[in-house]
Amino acid sequence: MANVLSGALRLWDVAASVQRHEDGFIIGIRGSGLELMHADAAIQDLTPLRIVARAPQGWLIVRGAETLGVHAGLPGLLRQLREELAPHARTGRLIIGAQSLV
């Protein structure tokens, strides 16, 4: 999961790190990163995001004491992370693993 989150952040050109935490992951946003260079990416709150595993709901996205969203699956989680961290990134599909069609 950490690799998927890190790969998505790189794809979106967001300078951030992903670290395991006791109940999920922490995404630390770097203040001097590329995300702050985009005119339409007004990321003003550099408070780390926590991604918390919660059964049976799925994944919670938390910034500080505020819950930003709850997602049952990875697609919804990644969509909201892109909206929060990389509004400049093109929308589209992020393929997580692929099987050969041969």
Protein backbone atom coordinates (compact mmCIF):
# COMPACT_ATOMS: atom_id res chain seq x y z
CA MET A 1 0.00 0.00 0.00
CA ALA A 2 2.85 2.40 0.80
CA ASN A 3 4.30 1.72 -2.65
CA VAL A 4 0.95 2.47 -4.31
CA LEU A 5 0.62 5.76 -2.42
CA SER A 6 4.23 6.75 -3.17
CA GLY A 7 3.81 5.90 -6.85
CA ALA A 8 0.62 7.95 -7.10
CA LEU A 9 2.31 10.96 -5.49
CA ARG A 10 5.20 10.72 -7.96
CA LEU A 11 2.76 10.41 -10.87
CA TRP A 12 0.97 13.55 -9.69
CA ASP A 13 4.27 15.46 -9.20
CA VAL A 14 3.63 15.95 -5.49
CA ALA A 15 6.71 16.20 -3.28
CA ALA A 16 5.69 14.11 -0.29
CA SER A 17 6.76 11.08 1.68
CA VAL A 18 4.75 8.06 2.80
CA GLN A 19 5.51 6.41 6.11
CA ARG A 20 3.89 3.49 7.86
CA HIS A 21 2.06 4.40 11.04
CA GLU A 22 0.58 2.18 13.73
CA ASP A 23 -2.90 2.18 12.17
CA GLY A 24 -2.17 3.12 8.56
CA PHE A 25 0.07 5.61 6.76
CA ILE A 26 1.18 9.23 7.05
CA ILE A 27 1.71 11.40 3.99
CA GLY A 28 4.11 14.21 4.81
CA ILE A 29 3.99 17.12 2.37
CA ARG A 30 7.27 18.93 1.72
CA GLY A 31 6.89 22.70 1.85
CA SER A 32 9.40 23.42 -0.89
CA GLY A 33 8.09 20.78 -3.26
CA LEU A 34 6.83 20.91 -6.80
CA GLU A 35 3.20 20.98 -5.69
CA LEU A 36 3.67 24.56 -4.50
CA MET A 37 4.99 25.69 -7.89
CA HIS A 38 1.73 25.05 -9.70
CA ALA A 39 -0.43 28.17 -9.78
CA ASP A 40 -3.66 26.19 -9.40
CA ALA A 41 -2.36 23.97 -6.60
CA ALA A 42 -3.07 26.12 -3.58
CA ILE A 43 -1.94 23.66 -0.95
CA GLN A 44 -1.77 25.98 2.01
CA ASP A 45 -2.16 23.43 4.79
CA LEU A 46 1.03 21.37 5.00
CA THR A 47 -0.30 19.34 7.93
CA PRO A 48 0.44 15.67 7.20
CA LEU A 49 -2.44 13.52 6.03
CA ARG A 50 -3.13 10.27 7.84
CA ILE A 51 -4.57 7.33 5.97
CA VAL A 52 -6.19 5.10 8.59
CA ALA A 53 -7.48 1.56 8.02
CA ARG A 54 -10.94 1.19 9.55
CA ALA A 55 -12.91 -2.02 9.16
CA PRO A 56 -15.58 -2.31 7.85
CA GLN A 57 -15.69 1.24 6.44
CA GLY A 58 -12.36 1.00 4.62
CA TRP A 59 -9.92 3.93 4.64
CA LEU A 60 -10.21 7.27 6.45
CA ILE A 61 -8.32 10.36 5.30
CA VAL A 62 -7.56 12.61 8.27
CA ARG A 63 -5.79 16.00 8.45
CA GLY A 64 -5.18 17.11 12.01
CA ALA A 65 -8.44 16.39 13.86
CA GLU A 66 -10.60 16.66 10.72
CA THR A 67 -11.80 13.60 8.81
CA LEU A 68 -11.69 14.52 5.12
CA GLY A 69 -13.24 11.36 3.76
CA VAL A 70 -14.03 7.66 4.18
CA HIS A 71 -13.52 5.27 1.29
CA ALA A 72 -14.39 1.59 0.99
CA GLY A 73 -11.81 1.00 -1.73
CA LEU A 74 -8.53 2.15 -3.15
CA PRO A 75 -9.96 4.00 -6.20
CA GLY A 76 -11.98 6.41 -4.04
CA LEU A 77 -9.07 6.88 -1.65
CA LEU A 78 -6.69 7.76 -4.50
CA ARG A 79 -9.24 10.06 -6.15
CA GLN A 80 -9.66 12.13 -2.98
CA LEU A 81 -5.91 12.23 -2.35
CA ARG A 82 -5.40 13.58 -5.88
CA GLU A 83 -8.08 16.22 -5.30
CA GLU A 84 -6.51 17.23 -1.96
CA LEU A 85 -2.85 17.15 -2.94
CA ALA A 86 -2.70 17.59 -6.70
CA PRO A 87 -5.61 19.57 -8.11
CA HIS A 88 -3.28 20.45 -11.01
CA ALA A 89 -2.90 16.79 -12.03
CA ARG A 90 -4.87 15.52 -14.99
CA THR A 91 -7.85 13.39 -14.12
CA GLY A 92 -7.95 9.95 -15.56
CA ARG A 93 -7.23 6.41 -14.66
CA LEU A 94 -4.42 5.26 -12.41
CA ILE A 95 -3.73 1.62 -13.18
CA ILE A 96 -2.68 -0.29 -10.10
CA GLY A 97 -0.96 -3.39 -11.41
CA ALA A 98 -1.77 -4.86 -14.76
CA GLN A 99 -2.10 -8.36 -16.09
CA SER A 100 -0.68 -9.39 -19.40
CA LEU A 101 -3.33 -9.92 -22.04
CA VAL A 102 -1.17 -12.56 -23.74
